[in-house]
């Protein structure tokens, strides 16, 4: 079955960096674009970045431009989100999913907390 397992979150000081990982399985990974989402407490999920099947990544909000990079490893069926110069506003649970989105399954997400 389709599965997404996110990892790599944690407590980071403002200005720090973190790399999130997503292990995908149960579908033809190389045939789908992949998306990172974030969800703050009490809010819906927002798209952060998307990466196409050819590795072409796009950051979807101006506030993350230059600070966030999305990448994928087709052989390992992994997607990564590297975030630099973190801000307290980046605090959220981060999820990955494929595109088109597979709503029947979401991973547990990985919590990123930016605080001093």
C-alpha atoms as a PDB file:
ATOM      1  CA  UNK A   1       0.000   0.000   0.000  1.00  0.00           C
ATOM      2  CA  UNK A   2       1.006   3.592  -0.466  1.00  0.00           C
ATOM      3  CA  UNK A   3       3.043   4.876   2.460  1.00  0.00           C
ATOM      4  CA  UNK A   4       4.927   8.009   3.364  1.00  0.00           C
ATOM      5  CA  UNK A   5       7.287   8.087   6.324  1.00  0.00           C
ATOM      6  CA  UNK A   6       8.686  11.473   7.285  1.00  0.00           C
ATOM      7  CA  UNK A   7      11.670  11.955   9.547  1.00  0.00           C
ATOM      8  CA  UNK A   8      14.411  14.378  10.479  1.00  0.00           C
ATOM      9  CA  UNK A   9      12.464  16.981  12.420  1.00  0.00           C
ATOM     10  CA  UNK A  10      13.485  18.387  15.751  1.00  0.00           C
ATOM     11  CA  UNK A  11      14.181  21.488  17.792  1.00  0.00           C
ATOM     12  CA  UNK A  12      16.328  24.006  15.973  1.00  0.00           C
ATOM     13  CA  UNK A  13      17.501  27.435  16.967  1.00  0.00           C
ATOM     14  CA  UNK A  14      16.573  30.404  14.798  1.00  0.00           C
ATOM     15  CA  UNK A  15      19.047  30.684  11.983  1.00  0.00           C
ATOM     16  CA  UNK A  16      19.785  26.981  12.065  1.00  0.00           C
ATOM     17  CA  UNK A  17      19.299  24.337   9.406  1.00  0.00           C
ATOM     18  CA  UNK A  18      17.530  21.029   9.143  1.00  0.00           C
ATOM     19  CA  UNK A  19      16.988  18.388   6.491  1.00  0.00           C
ATOM     20  CA  UNK A  20      13.757  16.441   6.417  1.00  0.00           C
ATOM     21  CA  UNK A  21      13.431  13.062   4.760  1.00  0.00           C
ATOM     22  CA  UNK A  22      10.466  11.237   3.323  1.00  0.00           C
ATOM     23  CA  UNK A  23      10.488   7.567   2.447  1.00  0.00           C
ATOM     24  CA  UNK A  24       7.823   6.680  -0.102  1.00  0.00           C
ATOM     25  CA  UNK A  25       6.604   3.216  -0.990  1.00  0.00           C
ATOM     26  CA  UNK A  26       3.740   1.326  -2.552  1.00  0.00           C
ATOM     27  CA  UNK A  27       3.661   3.136  -5.891  1.00  0.00           C
ATOM     28  CA  UNK A  28       5.881   3.854  -8.868  1.00  0.00           C
ATOM     29  CA  UNK A  29       7.896   6.604  -7.270  1.00  0.00           C
ATOM     30  CA  UNK A  30       9.678   7.634 -10.450  1.00  0.00           C
ATOM     31  CA  UNK A  31       6.362   8.380 -12.153  1.00  0.00           C
ATOM     32  CA  UNK A  32       5.067  10.909  -9.643  1.00  0.00           C
ATOM     33  CA  UNK A  33       5.976  14.406  -8.636  1.00  0.00           C
ATOM     34  CA  UNK A  34       6.381  14.750  -4.872  1.00  0.00           C
ATOM     35  CA  UNK A  35       5.256  17.519  -2.558  1.00  0.00           C
ATOM     36  CA  UNK A  36       6.218  18.696   0.903  1.00  0.00           C
ATOM     37  CA  UNK A  37       3.439  20.180   3.010  1.00  0.00           C
ATOM     38  CA  UNK A  38       3.452  21.909   6.357  1.00  0.00           C
ATOM     39  CA  UNK A  39       0.746  22.252   8.949  1.00  0.00           C
ATOM     40  CA  UNK A  40       0.717  24.623  11.886  1.00  0.00           C
ATOM     41  CA  UNK A  41      -1.431  23.914  14.910  1.00  0.00           C
ATOM     42  CA  UNK A  42      -5.050  24.679  14.175  1.00  0.00           C
ATOM     43  CA  UNK A  43      -4.474  25.321  10.482  1.00  0.00           C
ATOM     44  CA  UNK A  44      -4.717  23.347   7.280  1.00  0.00           C
ATOM     45  CA  UNK A  45      -1.863  21.874   5.297  1.00  0.00           C
ATOM     46  CA  UNK A  46       0.009  24.222   2.996  1.00  0.00           C
ATOM     47  CA  UNK A  47       2.241  23.188   0.138  1.00  0.00           C
ATOM     48  CA  UNK A  48       5.873  24.110   0.649  1.00  0.00           C
ATOM     49  CA  UNK A  49       7.661  22.694  -2.348  1.00  0.00           C
ATOM     50  CA  UNK A  50       7.160  20.338  -5.253  1.00  0.00           C
ATOM     51  CA  UNK A  51       9.645  18.320  -7.238  1.00  0.00           C
ATOM     52  CA  UNK A  52       8.919  16.822 -10.624  1.00  0.00           C
ATOM     53  CA  UNK A  53       9.852  13.403 -11.910  1.00  0.00           C
ATOM     54  CA  UNK A  54      12.971  14.870 -13.539  1.00  0.00           C
ATOM     55  CA  UNK A  55      14.163  16.468 -10.326  1.00  0.00           C
ATOM     56  CA  UNK A  56      12.936  19.946 -11.150  1.00  0.00           C
ATOM     57  CA  UNK A  57      12.071  21.524  -7.834  1.00  0.00           C
ATOM     58  CA  UNK A  58       9.926  24.537  -7.109  1.00  0.00           C
ATOM     59  CA  UNK A  59       9.492  26.428  -3.872  1.00  0.00           C
ATOM     60  CA  UNK A  60       5.927  27.610  -3.626  1.00  0.00           C
ATOM     61  CA  UNK A  61       6.094  30.602  -1.297  1.00  0.00           C
ATOM     62  CA  UNK A  62       8.312  33.649  -1.529  1.00  0.00           C
ATOM     63  CA  UNK A  63       9.143  33.477   2.173  1.00  0.00           C
ATOM     64  CA  UNK A  64      10.974  30.196   1.553  1.00  0.00           C
ATOM     65  CA  UNK A  65      12.800  31.250  -1.578  1.00  0.00           C
ATOM     66  CA  UNK A  66      16.526  30.956  -1.065  1.00  0.00           C
ATOM     67  CA  UNK A  67      16.089  29.119   2.241  1.00  0.00           C
ATOM     68  CA  UNK A  68      14.458  25.858   1.192  1.00  0.00           C
ATOM     69  CA  UNK A  69      15.578  23.202  -1.269  1.00  0.00           C
ATOM     70  CA  UNK A  70      13.690  20.104  -2.323  1.00  0.00           C
ATOM     71  CA  UNK A  71      15.404  17.075  -3.805  1.00  0.00           C
ATOM     72  CA  UNK A  72      14.723  13.421  -4.516  1.00  0.00           C
ATOM     73  CA  UNK A  73      16.622  10.157  -4.812  1.00  0.00           C
ATOM     74  CA  UNK A  74      14.759   7.920  -7.223  1.00  0.00           C
ATOM     75  CA  UNK A  75      16.812   4.831  -6.420  1.00  0.00           C
ATOM     76  CA  UNK A  76      16.058   5.156  -2.716  1.00  0.00           C
ATOM     77  CA  UNK A  77      12.504   6.431  -3.206  1.00  0.00           C
ATOM     78  CA  UNK A  78      13.287   9.350  -0.940  1.00  0.00           C
ATOM     79  CA  UNK A  79      12.393  13.015  -0.978  1.00  0.00           C
ATOM     80  CA  UNK A  80      14.256  15.608   1.030  1.00  0.00           C
ATOM     81  CA  UNK A  81      13.545  19.117   2.223  1.00  0.00           C
ATOM     82  CA  UNK A  82      16.525  21.143   3.302  1.00  0.00           C
ATOM     83  CA  UNK A  83      15.688  24.273   5.217  1.00  0.00           C
ATOM     84  CA  UNK A  84      18.237  26.908   6.138  1.00  0.00           C
ATOM     85  CA  UNK A  85      18.139  30.097   8.170  1.00  0.00           C
ATOM     86  CA  UNK A  86      15.113  28.799   9.991  1.00  0.00           C
ATOM     87  CA  UNK A  87      12.643  31.204  11.555  1.00  0.00           C
ATOM     88  CA  UNK A  88      10.176  30.631  14.407  1.00  0.00           C
ATOM     89  CA  UNK A  89       7.423  30.908  11.789  1.00  0.00           C
ATOM     90  CA  UNK A  90       8.755  27.731  10.190  1.00  0.00           C
ATOM     91  CA  UNK A  91       7.548  25.765  13.197  1.00  0.00           C
ATOM     92  CA  UNK A  92       5.077  23.170  11.949  1.00  0.00           C
ATOM     93  CA  UNK A  93       4.561  19.507  11.226  1.00  0.00           C
ATOM     94  CA  UNK A  94       5.914  18.654   7.792  1.00  0.00           C
ATOM     95  CA  UNK A  95       4.406  15.986   5.565  1.00  0.00           C
ATOM     96  CA  UNK A  96       5.142  14.621   2.149  1.00  0.00           C
ATOM     97  CA  UNK A  97       2.784  13.213  -0.451  1.00  0.00           C
ATOM     98  CA  UNK A  98       2.772  12.550  -4.119  1.00  0.00           C
ATOM     99  CA  UNK A  99       1.099  14.614  -6.816  1.00  0.00           C
ATOM    100  CA  UNK A 100      -1.715  14.007  -7.576  1.00  0.00           C
ATOM    101  CA  UNK A 101      -2.155  13.838  -3.836  1.00  0.00           C
ATOM    102  CA  UNK A 102      -2.982  10.481  -2.281  1.00  0.00           C
ATOM    103  CA  UNK A 103      -5.457  11.435   0.423  1.00  0.00           C
ATOM    104  CA  UNK A 104      -6.111   7.901   1.633  1.00  0.00           C
ATOM    105  CA  UNK A 105      -2.742   7.826   3.314  1.00  0.00           C
ATOM    106  CA  UNK A 106      -0.722  10.465   5.092  1.00  0.00           C
ATOM    107  CA  UNK A 107       2.380   9.840   7.101  1.00  0.00           C
ATOM    108  CA  UNK A 108       2.718  10.852  10.707  1.00  0.00           C
ATOM    109  CA  UNK A 109       4.669  13.917   9.708  1.00  0.00           C
ATOM    110  CA  UNK A 110       7.780  15.249  11.343  1.00  0.00           C
ATOM    111  CA  UNK A 111       7.700  18.124  13.786  1.00  0.00           C
ATOM    112  CA  UNK A 112      10.028  21.062  13.270  1.00  0.00           C
ATOM    113  CA  UNK A 113      10.224  23.510  16.129  1.00  0.00           C
ATOM    114  CA  UNK A 114      12.285  26.653  15.739  1.00  0.00           C
ATOM    115  CA  UNK A 115      12.985  28.265  19.083  1.00  0.00           C
ATOM    116  CA  UNK A 116      15.899  29.559  21.087  1.00  0.00           C
END
